[in-house]
Amino acid sequence: MIHKELRLIVAGTLLIGVSYGLARFAYGLFLPSMREDVGLSSAMAGAIGSGAYVGYCLAIVASAVLVERFGARPMAVAAALIAAAGMAVVSISESPLLLAGAILLAGTSTGLASPPMAQAVSRAIPEAHQSRANTFINAGTSLGVAVSGPVAFLATGQWRVAYAAFAITALLNAGLLLLGVPRSQGADEGGEASSKENSRPNRDGLWRPRAIRVVLAATGMGLASAAYWTFSSEAVVKLGHFDQSVANIVWILIGVAGLAGGLAGDLVKRFGLDVVHCGSLGALALSLCLLALMPASLPAMLVSAALFGGAYIMLTGVYLVWGIRLYTDRPAIGLGLPFLMIAVGQILGSPLAGYLIGSQGYAFCFIAFALIAVATMLAGYRADKPSDAGTGQDVAARRDMPRAPHPSIHRFYMPAMPPLWLIEKIGRRFSGGVGSGTDRR
C-alpha cells in the first residue's frame, strides 16, 4: 500500500473516530458532570442526547447532495470542522439550550463524515485494497469511543476541558484530511458514472415485501441501545455508587469490545443471519439487565460493557448484510436504510429513557429497554425468496443484467451511509444529472 493510500486511511479513520466516538457518543460519558454544572433533568438530558441523532438524520440528506457537487475532500474537511465547532461550543455551554444546540451541531458531523470517505476510497484506492481500507476506517467508531475514556481520566471530571481537547483534535483532523483526501476528479468522472447508471435496466422499486422486517429490527435495536449510550455512565456513578473513573473504564471497554463486531460477516456466513441477529440482541438485552440488576458489582459492569460494545457493532454489521441481501440490485439503499432506522430508533429512545429514569428510576428503565431488545428478535430475517438470500448474480441473471459479484460486508461497510431514492433524486437534480455517490458499486 503506497504512502498516499495509507495517509487517506489514517485521515478517514480519525474522522470517523472524531465524529462518531467523540462528537456523538462521548456525551453519555460526560453526562454526570454536565448535569451537575448545567442543571439538566433526566428528561432534558435524554432530549439533548437525541439531538445528535437528529443532527445525523438531517446531515445525511445534505451530505448525499453536496459530496457529488463539491467532491470528497471539502465535505470531509467540513465534517471535521463542524465537529470541532460543535464540541467547542459544548465546552463553553452554560445553559441547557446552548448545550442542546451544540450537541445537535456536533452530531451533524456523523452524517457528513461517511459519504466523502466512501467516495474517496472508491476513487483513490485500487479495488484490491478497498476492503482493507474500509475496514480500518470503520474501526474509527470504536477507536473514538475507546480514546474518550482515557481523556476523561486525564480531565478528572472537567468535561469542558475534555471537549475543548476534542475540538482541537477535530481541527487537526481537518488539516490531515486536507492533505490526505485526494482532490476530486471533476464533473467528467461524475458524468461518466451517471451515464453508466442511466444505461442500466430499470431496477426494482424502493419497497420490498420483507423490507418491513429490517426496518422494524433496526429501529428496535436503535431504540434499545439509546438508553445505554446516553445513561450508562450516569448509572454506574449514581446507581452503582462508583466514582467517575470506573465509568471511564466501562466506556473504554465498550469501545475496545466493539472491535469484535468486525467478525459479523464471518459469523453470519457460518451460523446464518437470524442466529447472529438474535444472539446479538440477546447480548444487548443482557448488558442492560446487568446494568439494572447488579449495578454495585464491578465485574458485572465490566461484562455489561463488553457485551454491549460487541453486540452493538455486531448488530450494525448484521443489518448491513441483511439490507444488501434484500436490495442486491440497489446496494446503496441496502446499506443506508437500516442505519437510518437505527438513528430513528435512537432519536425516540434517548428522551424515552430520560423520562423513565425521571419517573420510575434507572433499574426500571434498563429492564424496559432490555425487553425492547428481546421483542426486536420477533422481526427476524426470513430468506423466503432467492432474491433475498441469493447473491447479486442471482438478481442479475433473473433480470438479464451483467453479472456482478455479491457485495461483501467489508467492501461496503461504512457507518451510517446515506441511501434512499429521495436522496438520490435530490442529488441528481441539484447537481444537474451527476450520479449519486451513494449508489456506487
Protein backbone atom coordinates (compact mmCIF):
# COMPACT_ATOMS: atom_id res chain seq x y z
CA MET A 1 0.00 0.00 0.00
CA ILE A 2 1.53 3.30 -1.09
CA HIS A 3 2.01 6.30 1.14
CA LYS A 4 -0.90 8.37 -0.17
CA GLU A 5 -3.31 5.46 0.34
CA LEU A 6 -2.12 4.99 3.91
CA ARG A 7 -2.49 8.73 4.54
CA LEU A 8 -6.09 8.61 3.31
CA ILE A 9 -6.89 5.63 5.55
CA VAL A 10 -5.39 7.28 8.63
CA ALA A 11 -7.22 10.55 7.98
CA GLY A 12 -10.51 8.73 7.36
CA THR A 13 -10.19 6.56 10.46
CA LEU A 14 -9.58 9.62 12.59
CA LEU A 15 -12.58 11.40 11.03
CA ILE A 16 -14.92 8.52 11.88
CA GLY A 17 -13.43 8.37 15.38
CA VAL A 18 -13.81 12.11 15.92
CA SER A 19 -17.34 12.35 14.57
CA TYR A 20 -18.83 9.14 15.99
CA GLY A 21 -16.70 8.39 19.04
CA LEU A 22 -16.20 11.96 20.29
CA ALA A 23 -18.81 14.30 18.80
CA ARG A 24 -21.72 11.82 19.02
CA PHE A 25 -21.22 9.15 21.68
CA ALA A 26 -18.96 10.86 24.26
CA TYR A 27 -21.95 12.85 25.50
CA GLY A 28 -23.11 9.86 27.54
CA LEU A 29 -19.68 9.51 29.16
CA PHE A 30 -19.60 13.09 30.44
CA LEU A 31 -23.31 13.41 31.20
CA PRO A 32 -23.00 13.09 35.02
CA SER A 33 -20.67 16.09 35.23
CA MET A 34 -22.70 18.04 32.68
CA ARG A 35 -25.90 17.58 34.66
CA GLU A 36 -24.34 18.99 37.79
CA ASP A 37 -22.80 22.02 36.08
CA VAL A 38 -25.60 22.94 33.66
CA GLY A 39 -28.57 21.72 35.72
CA LEU A 40 -30.19 19.13 33.47
CA SER A 41 -33.16 16.98 34.37
CA SER A 42 -33.22 13.37 33.23
CA ALA A 43 -35.82 14.17 30.58
CA MET A 44 -33.80 17.13 29.30
CA ALA A 45 -30.61 15.04 29.25
CA GLY A 46 -32.34 12.42 27.13
CA ALA A 47 -33.77 15.04 24.77
CA ILE A 48 -30.32 16.57 24.29
CA GLY A 49 -28.85 13.13 23.64
CA SER A 50 -31.36 12.63 20.84
CA GLY A 51 -30.16 15.88 19.29
CA ALA A 52 -27.03 14.17 17.98
CA TYR A 53 -29.18 11.61 16.19
CA VAL A 54 -31.48 14.30 14.80
CA GLY A 55 -28.40 16.09 13.50
CA TYR A 56 -27.28 12.90 11.81
CA CYS A 57 -30.62 12.37 10.06
CA LEU A 58 -30.60 15.94 8.76
CA ALA A 59 -26.99 15.76 7.65
CA ILE A 60 -27.23 12.59 5.58
CA VAL A 61 -29.54 14.31 3.10
CA ALA A 62 -27.22 17.31 2.73
CA SER A 63 -24.14 15.10 2.51
CA ALA A 64 -25.51 12.92 -0.29
CA VAL A 65 -26.24 16.05 -2.31
CA LEU A 66 -23.11 18.04 -1.57
CA VAL A 67 -20.50 15.29 -1.93
CA GLU A 68 -21.37 14.94 -5.60
CA ARG A 69 -21.39 18.68 -6.18
CA PHE A 70 -18.23 19.65 -4.31
CA GLY A 71 -16.27 16.41 -4.04
CA ALA A 72 -14.98 14.26 -1.18
CA ARG A 73 -12.20 16.47 0.15
CA PRO A 74 -14.19 19.64 1.02
CA MET A 75 -17.03 17.61 2.54
CA ALA A 76 -14.67 15.54 4.69
CA VAL A 77 -12.94 18.69 5.90
CA ALA A 78 -16.33 20.30 6.54
CA ALA A 79 -17.38 17.32 8.66
CA ALA A 80 -14.29 17.69 10.85
CA LEU A 81 -14.74 21.46 11.16
CA ILE A 82 -18.41 21.12 12.12
CA ALA A 83 -17.47 18.52 14.73
CA ALA A 84 -14.83 20.92 16.06
CA ALA A 85 -17.27 23.84 16.18
CA GLY A 86 -19.96 21.81 17.92
CA MET A 87 -17.62 20.42 20.56
CA ALA A 88 -16.05 23.85 21.12
CA VAL A 89 -19.50 25.28 21.87
CA VAL A 90 -20.20 22.33 24.17
CA SER A 91 -17.10 23.25 26.16
CA ILE A 92 -18.42 26.76 26.87
CA SER A 93 -22.12 25.95 27.29
CA GLU A 94 -23.68 27.40 30.42
CA SER A 95 -27.35 26.66 29.73
CA PRO A 96 -29.31 23.59 28.66
CA LEU A 97 -30.47 25.36 25.49
CA LEU A 98 -26.95 26.21 24.33
CA LEU A 99 -25.73 22.72 25.21
CA ALA A 100 -28.57 21.16 23.22
CA GLY A 101 -27.72 23.26 20.17
CA ALA A 102 -24.04 22.36 20.44
CA ILE A 103 -24.75 18.63 20.69
CA LEU A 104 -27.03 18.93 17.67
CA LEU A 105 -24.31 20.72 15.69
CA ALA A 106 -21.64 18.20 16.67
CA GLY A 107 -23.98 15.33 15.81
CA THR A 108 -24.37 16.52 12.24
CA SER A 109 -20.73 15.64 11.63
CA THR A 110 -21.59 11.93 11.72
CA GLY A 111 -23.98 12.27 8.81
CA LEU A 112 -21.44 14.29 6.85
CA ALA A 113 -18.40 12.12 7.54
CA SER A 114 -19.05 8.72 5.95
CA PRO A 115 -20.12 9.55 2.36
CA PRO A 116 -17.00 11.55 1.41
CA MET A 117 -14.70 8.88 2.85
CA ALA A 118 -16.54 6.12 0.99
CA GLN A 119 -16.25 8.10 -2.23
CA ALA A 120 -12.58 8.88 -1.63
CA VAL A 121 -11.76 5.21 -1.03
CA SER A 122 -13.65 4.09 -4.12
CA ARG A 123 -11.81 6.60 -6.32
CA ALA A 124 -8.32 6.78 -4.83
CA ILE A 125 -7.59 3.22 -3.68
CA PRO A 126 -7.34 0.19 -6.02
CA GLU A 127 -10.22 -2.23 -5.73
CA ALA A 128 -7.96 -4.95 -4.32
CA HIS A 129 -7.19 -2.73 -1.31
CA GLN A 130 -10.62 -1.20 -0.74
CA SER A 131 -11.84 -3.93 1.60
CA ARG A 132 -8.94 -3.40 3.97
CA ALA A 133 -9.23 0.38 3.72
CA ASN A 134 -12.93 0.44 4.57
CA THR A 135 -12.38 -1.98 7.44
CA PHE A 136 -9.75 0.25 9.02
CA ILE A 137 -11.78 3.42 8.51
CA ASN A 138 -14.90 1.84 10.02
CA ALA A 139 -12.90 0.86 13.11
CA GLY A 140 -12.67 4.56 13.88
CA THR A 141 -16.00 4.45 15.73
CA SER A 142 -14.77 2.03 18.37
CA LEU A 143 -11.40 3.78 18.43
CA GLY A 144 -13.03 7.13 19.21
CA VAL A 145 -15.17 5.64 21.96
CA ALA A 146 -12.13 3.92 23.48
CA VAL A 147 -9.99 7.08 23.35
CA SER A 148 -12.60 9.29 25.02
CA GLY A 149 -12.28 7.22 28.22
CA PRO A 150 -8.59 8.00 28.91
CA VAL A 151 -9.29 11.65 28.10
CA ALA A 152 -11.93 11.61 30.80
CA PHE A 153 -9.32 10.24 33.20
CA LEU A 154 -6.88 12.99 32.34
CA ALA A 155 -9.54 15.67 32.59
CA THR A 156 -10.57 14.37 36.06
CA GLY A 157 -14.22 15.22 35.62
CA GLN A 158 -13.61 18.51 33.78
CA TRP A 159 -15.85 17.86 30.82
CA ARG A 160 -15.28 21.34 29.42
CA VAL A 161 -11.56 20.68 29.18
CA ALA A 162 -12.20 17.32 27.55
CA TYR A 163 -14.49 18.78 24.92
CA ALA A 164 -12.02 21.58 24.22
CA ALA A 165 -9.37 18.90 23.63
CA PHE A 166 -11.78 17.02 21.37
CA ALA A 167 -12.38 20.20 19.37
CA ILE A 168 -8.63 20.72 18.89
CA THR A 169 -8.32 17.09 17.76
CA ALA A 170 -11.05 17.66 15.20
CA LEU A 171 -9.24 20.74 13.88
CA LEU A 172 -6.03 18.77 13.49
CA ASN A 173 -8.01 16.07 11.72
CA ALA A 174 -9.36 18.68 9.30
CA GLY A 175 -5.79 19.57 8.34
CA LEU A 176 -4.90 15.91 7.89
CA LEU A 177 -7.96 15.38 5.69
CA LEU A 178 -6.95 18.36 3.57
CA LEU A 179 -3.65 16.61 2.90
CA GLY A 180 -4.85 13.01 2.80
CA VAL A 181 -8.08 13.09 0.78
CA PRO A 182 -7.35 13.42 -2.94
CA ARG A 183 -8.84 16.22 -4.98
CA SER A 184 -12.00 15.33 -6.89
CA GLN A 185 -11.53 14.27 -10.48
CA GLY A 186 -14.21 16.70 -11.56
CA ALA A 187 -17.55 16.56 -13.22
CA ASP A 188 -16.40 14.41 -16.12
CA GLU A 189 -15.97 11.40 -13.90
CA GLY A 190 -19.31 12.01 -12.29
CA GLY A 191 -20.91 12.42 -15.67
CA GLU A 192 -19.47 9.11 -16.80
CA ALA A 193 -20.81 7.43 -13.68
CA SER A 194 -24.18 9.00 -14.29
CA SER A 195 -24.17 7.74 -17.86
CA LYS A 196 -23.45 4.21 -16.69
CA GLU A 197 -26.14 4.49 -14.07
CA ASN A 198 -28.72 5.72 -16.53
CA SER A 199 -27.81 2.98 -19.02
CA ARG A 200 -28.70 0.21 -16.58
CA PRO A 201 -32.04 -1.56 -16.93
CA ASN A 202 -34.78 -0.42 -14.60
CA ARG A 203 -34.34 -1.73 -11.12
CA ASP A 204 -36.92 -2.86 -8.61
CA GLY A 205 -38.62 -0.18 -6.53
CA LEU A 206 -37.66 1.02 -3.08
CA TRP A 207 -40.13 -1.12 -1.16
CA ARG A 208 -39.66 -4.91 -0.99
CA PRO A 209 -42.03 -7.47 0.56
CA ARG A 210 -39.74 -8.12 3.53
CA ALA A 211 -38.29 -4.62 3.93
CA ILE A 212 -40.61 -4.07 6.89
CA ARG A 213 -38.63 -6.66 8.84
CA VAL A 214 -35.27 -4.91 8.58
CA VAL A 215 -36.95 -1.54 9.23
CA LEU A 216 -38.56 -2.82 12.43
CA ALA A 217 -35.45 -4.69 13.55
CA ALA A 218 -33.07 -1.77 13.02
CA THR A 219 -35.45 0.69 14.67
CA GLY A 220 -35.89 -1.63 17.64
CA MET A 221 -32.15 -2.06 18.05
CA GLY A 222 -31.60 1.69 17.87
CA LEU A 223 -34.33 2.22 20.44
CA ALA A 224 -32.93 -0.41 22.83
CA SER A 225 -29.34 0.84 22.55
CA ALA A 226 -30.17 4.50 23.20
CA ALA A 227 -30.57 4.04 26.95
CA TYR A 228 -27.11 2.50 27.27
CA TRP A 229 -25.34 5.09 25.13
CA THR A 230 -26.91 8.02 26.96
CA PHE A 231 -27.28 6.90 30.58
CA SER A 232 -24.89 4.00 31.28
CA SER A 233 -22.10 6.18 32.67
CA GLU A 234 -24.54 8.06 34.87
CA ALA A 235 -25.98 4.77 36.13
CA VAL A 236 -22.52 3.47 37.05
CA VAL A 237 -21.95 6.59 39.17
CA LYS A 238 -25.40 7.11 40.69
CA LEU A 239 -26.89 3.62 40.75
CA GLY A 240 -23.71 1.66 41.39
CA HIS A 241 -22.10 4.35 43.61
CA PHE A 242 -18.79 4.12 41.78
CA ASP A 243 -16.64 7.14 41.05
CA GLN A 244 -16.21 8.61 37.60
CA SER A 245 -13.00 6.67 36.98
CA VAL A 246 -14.96 3.39 36.92
CA ALA A 247 -17.43 4.92 34.46
CA ASN A 248 -14.46 5.86 32.28
CA ILE A 249 -13.14 2.29 32.39
CA VAL A 250 -16.56 0.97 31.41
CA TRP A 251 -16.66 3.40 28.48
CA ILE A 252 -13.20 2.36 27.27
CA LEU A 253 -14.25 -1.29 27.40
CA ILE A 254 -17.32 -0.54 25.27
CA GLY A 255 -15.05 0.84 22.57
CA VAL A 256 -12.50 -1.94 22.74
CA ALA A 257 -15.16 -4.67 22.72
CA GLY A 258 -16.75 -3.02 19.69
CA LEU A 259 -13.76 -4.10 17.62
CA ALA A 260 -15.12 -7.65 17.88
CA GLY A 261 -18.08 -6.51 15.78
CA GLY A 262 -15.85 -6.84 12.74
CA LEU A 263 -16.49 -10.59 12.94
CA ALA A 264 -20.13 -10.08 11.92
CA GLY A 265 -19.58 -11.10 8.30
CA ASP A 266 -17.76 -14.32 9.19
CA LEU A 267 -20.33 -15.27 11.85
CA VAL A 268 -23.24 -14.65 9.51
CA LYS A 269 -21.61 -16.88 6.92
CA ARG A 270 -21.04 -19.64 9.45
CA PHE A 271 -24.24 -19.59 11.55
CA GLY A 272 -26.77 -17.68 9.46
CA LEU A 273 -28.02 -14.14 9.74
CA ASP A 274 -31.00 -14.79 12.00
CA VAL A 275 -28.94 -16.73 14.55
CA VAL A 276 -26.35 -13.97 14.81
CA HIS A 277 -29.10 -11.34 14.93
CA CYS A 278 -30.97 -12.99 17.80
CA GLY A 279 -27.76 -13.82 19.67
CA SER A 280 -26.52 -10.24 19.45
CA LEU A 281 -29.86 -8.84 20.59
CA GLY A 282 -29.74 -11.27 23.50
CA ALA A 283 -26.29 -9.99 24.44
CA LEU A 284 -27.58 -6.41 24.20
CA ALA A 285 -30.53 -7.25 26.46
CA LEU A 286 -28.23 -8.99 28.97
CA SER A 287 -25.94 -5.96 29.11
CA LEU A 288 -28.91 -3.77 30.05
CA CYS A 289 -30.14 -6.28 32.66
CA LEU A 290 -26.72 -6.42 34.33
CA LEU A 291 -26.69 -2.64 34.48
CA ALA A 292 -30.13 -2.65 36.11
CA LEU A 293 -29.84 -5.60 38.49
CA MET A 294 -26.17 -5.65 39.55
CA PRO A 295 -25.01 -2.02 39.40
CA ALA A 296 -22.83 -2.31 42.51
CA SER A 297 -20.79 -5.23 41.11
CA LEU A 298 -17.69 -4.12 39.23
CA PRO A 299 -17.28 -7.46 37.37
CA ALA A 300 -20.92 -7.24 36.27
CA MET A 301 -20.37 -3.69 34.99
CA LEU A 302 -17.32 -4.76 33.00
CA VAL A 303 -19.15 -7.74 31.50
CA SER A 304 -22.08 -5.47 30.69
CA ALA A 305 -19.82 -3.01 28.86
CA ALA A 306 -18.10 -5.77 26.88
CA LEU A 307 -21.43 -7.33 25.90
CA PHE A 308 -22.89 -4.02 24.81
CA GLY A 309 -19.88 -2.85 22.81
CA GLY A 310 -19.54 -6.14 20.93
CA ALA A 311 -23.29 -6.58 20.40
CA TYR A 312 -23.87 -3.06 19.11
CA ILE A 313 -21.19 -3.13 16.42
CA MET A 314 -22.10 -6.73 15.58
CA LEU A 315 -25.71 -5.74 15.01
CA THR A 316 -24.74 -2.90 12.69
CA GLY A 317 -22.89 -5.48 10.60
CA VAL A 318 -25.89 -7.81 10.66
CA TYR A 319 -28.23 -5.10 9.41
CA LEU A 320 -25.76 -4.20 6.70
CA VAL A 321 -25.66 -7.79 5.39
CA TRP A 322 -29.44 -8.03 5.73
CA GLY A 323 -30.03 -4.82 3.80
CA ILE A 324 -27.67 -5.75 0.97
CA ARG A 325 -29.27 -9.20 0.63
CA LEU A 326 -32.67 -7.55 0.39
CA TYR A 327 -31.51 -4.90 -2.09
CA THR A 328 -28.97 -6.85 -4.13
CA ASP A 329 -29.73 -4.72 -7.17
CA ARG A 330 -29.60 -1.45 -5.18
CA PRO A 331 -26.83 -1.84 -2.60
CA ALA A 332 -26.81 1.85 -1.68
CA ILE A 333 -30.34 1.51 -0.32
CA GLY A 334 -29.47 -1.77 1.33
CA LEU A 335 -26.57 -0.03 3.06
CA GLY A 336 -28.30 3.06 4.33
CA LEU A 337 -31.87 2.05 5.13
CA PRO A 338 -31.07 0.08 8.30
CA PHE A 339 -28.56 2.67 9.53
CA LEU A 340 -31.08 5.43 9.07
CA MET A 341 -33.66 3.43 11.04
CA ILE A 342 -31.14 2.77 13.82
CA ALA A 343 -30.77 6.54 14.15
CA VAL A 344 -34.55 6.99 14.17
CA GLY A 345 -34.80 4.46 17.00
CA GLN A 346 -32.12 6.31 18.95
CA ILE A 347 -33.91 9.62 18.47
CA LEU A 348 -37.00 8.08 20.05
CA GLY A 349 -35.16 6.05 22.66
CA SER A 350 -32.99 8.69 24.30
CA PRO A 351 -35.78 11.00 25.53
CA LEU A 352 -37.93 7.98 26.44
CA ALA A 353 -35.11 6.66 28.61
CA GLY A 354 -34.74 10.06 30.27
CA TYR A 355 -38.45 10.14 31.04
CA LEU A 356 -38.47 6.63 32.50
CA ILE A 357 -35.42 7.33 34.66
CA GLY A 358 -37.01 10.51 35.99
CA SER A 359 -40.36 8.85 36.74
CA GLN A 360 -39.53 5.20 37.51
CA GLY A 361 -35.78 5.01 38.15
CA TYR A 362 -32.74 3.56 36.41
CA ALA A 363 -33.49 -0.13 37.01
CA PHE A 364 -36.99 0.10 35.56
CA CYS A 365 -35.69 1.95 32.50
CA PHE A 366 -32.92 -0.51 31.68
CA ILE A 367 -35.18 -3.55 32.16
CA ALA A 368 -37.79 -1.96 29.89
CA PHE A 369 -35.19 -1.34 27.20
CA ALA A 370 -33.86 -4.88 27.58
CA LEU A 371 -37.38 -6.12 26.84
CA ILE A 372 -37.41 -3.95 23.71
CA ALA A 373 -34.23 -5.72 22.56
CA VAL A 374 -35.84 -9.11 23.20
CA ALA A 375 -39.03 -8.09 21.37
CA THR A 376 -36.92 -7.00 18.39
CA MET A 377 -35.98 -10.65 17.87
CA LEU A 378 -39.51 -11.17 16.55
CA ALA A 379 -38.59 -9.12 13.48
CA GLY A 380 -36.24 -11.85 12.30
CA TYR A 381 -34.62 -12.33 8.92
CA ARG A 382 -36.51 -14.58 6.51
CA ALA A 383 -34.93 -15.78 3.26
CA ASP A 384 -38.18 -16.89 1.63
CA LYS A 385 -37.14 -15.99 -1.91
CA PRO A 386 -33.86 -16.44 -3.75
CA SER A 387 -33.79 -12.69 -4.37
CA ASP A 388 -33.46 -12.09 -0.63
CA ALA A 389 -30.94 -14.76 0.24
CA GLY A 390 -29.11 -15.09 -3.03
CA THR A 391 -26.24 -13.16 -4.41
CA GLY A 392 -26.15 -10.18 -6.73
CA GLN A 393 -25.55 -12.70 -9.53
CA ASP A 394 -28.97 -14.28 -8.94
CA VAL A 395 -30.73 -10.99 -9.43
CA ALA A 396 -28.57 -10.06 -12.42
CA ALA A 397 -29.36 -13.32 -14.20
CA ARG A 398 -33.04 -13.02 -13.42
CA ARG A 399 -33.19 -9.58 -14.97
CA ASP A 400 -30.73 -10.17 -17.83
CA MET A 401 -28.26 -7.76 -16.29
CA PRO A 402 -24.48 -8.15 -16.43
CA ARG A 403 -23.28 -10.45 -13.69
CA ALA A 404 -21.64 -8.81 -10.70
CA PRO A 405 -20.19 -10.28 -7.52
CA HIS A 406 -22.23 -10.17 -4.34
CA PRO A 407 -21.25 -7.07 -2.33
CA SER A 408 -19.27 -8.06 0.73
CA ILE A 409 -19.56 -6.58 4.18
CA HIS A 410 -16.00 -5.24 4.11
CA ARG A 411 -16.32 -3.55 0.76
CA PHE A 412 -19.49 -1.64 1.55
CA TYR A 413 -19.36 -1.19 5.31
CA MET A 414 -19.19 2.46 6.21
CA PRO A 415 -21.18 3.57 9.24
CA ALA A 416 -24.48 5.30 8.56
CA MET A 417 -24.17 5.67 4.80
CA PRO A 418 -26.98 7.78 3.31
CA PRO A 419 -29.33 5.90 0.97
CA LEU A 420 -32.91 6.13 -0.29
CA TRP A 421 -34.42 7.05 -3.62
CA LEU A 422 -35.41 10.54 -2.42
CA ILE A 423 -31.84 11.47 -1.57
CA GLU A 424 -30.63 10.10 -4.89
CA LYS A 425 -33.30 12.06 -6.77
CA ILE A 426 -32.49 15.29 -4.97
CA GLY A 427 -28.79 14.76 -5.62
CA ARG A 428 -29.28 14.28 -9.35
CA ARG A 429 -31.46 17.36 -9.67
CA PHE A 430 -29.20 19.54 -7.57
CA SER A 431 -26.04 18.53 -9.42
CA GLY A 432 -27.54 18.70 -12.89
CA GLY A 433 -27.63 14.97 -13.61
CA VAL A 434 -24.45 13.88 -11.84
CA GLY A 435 -24.90 10.35 -10.48
CA SER A 436 -25.44 9.91 -6.80
CA GLY A 437 -22.38 8.89 -4.88
CA THR A 438 -24.45 6.70 -2.61
CA ASP A 439 -25.16 4.17 -5.34
CA ARG A 440 -21.59 3.18 -6.21
CA ARG A 441 -20.72 -0.46 -6.63
